[in-house]
Amino acid sequence: LTLCAQRGVLVKGSAHLERLGRVERVFMDKTGTLTRGAFTLSAVRLVCSPKDDTEYQRPALAVGALLRWMCALESKSSHPLASAILRGAGAAIRVAAKQCKVEAYDTIPGRGARAT
């Protein structure tokens, strides 16, 4: 927790860090609970859990593909974090995102958004 705090990451208790080892899906936080109003996308990293003690799984998507789908989803949103993701992804990714078909977009208040 100390290292997270030193790097500007707010974690609501150590139990959440312990659960990261079992993460299978990652969702974007769009709740607006961040403390600073200047939102930027600084990095996108894919993290995979090990299959066993020695071998790590390959991510299902590459970073570029993940960003493309994120931009496709966030292009439907008016949330300030959506704008930051779109700006941070770059023009080429935003253009490629237009090829992604986003249907049944729905905002979930306090939780984010979903689509098919």
Foldseek 3Di string as FASTA:
>chain_A
DVVCVVVPHDDPDCVVVVCVLVDDDDDDQQQPPDDDPDDADDDDDDDFHAPDDPHTDDDPDDPLVVLLCLLLLLVVDPGPNSVRSVVRSDDVSNVSSVPDDWAPWDADHNGGIDTD
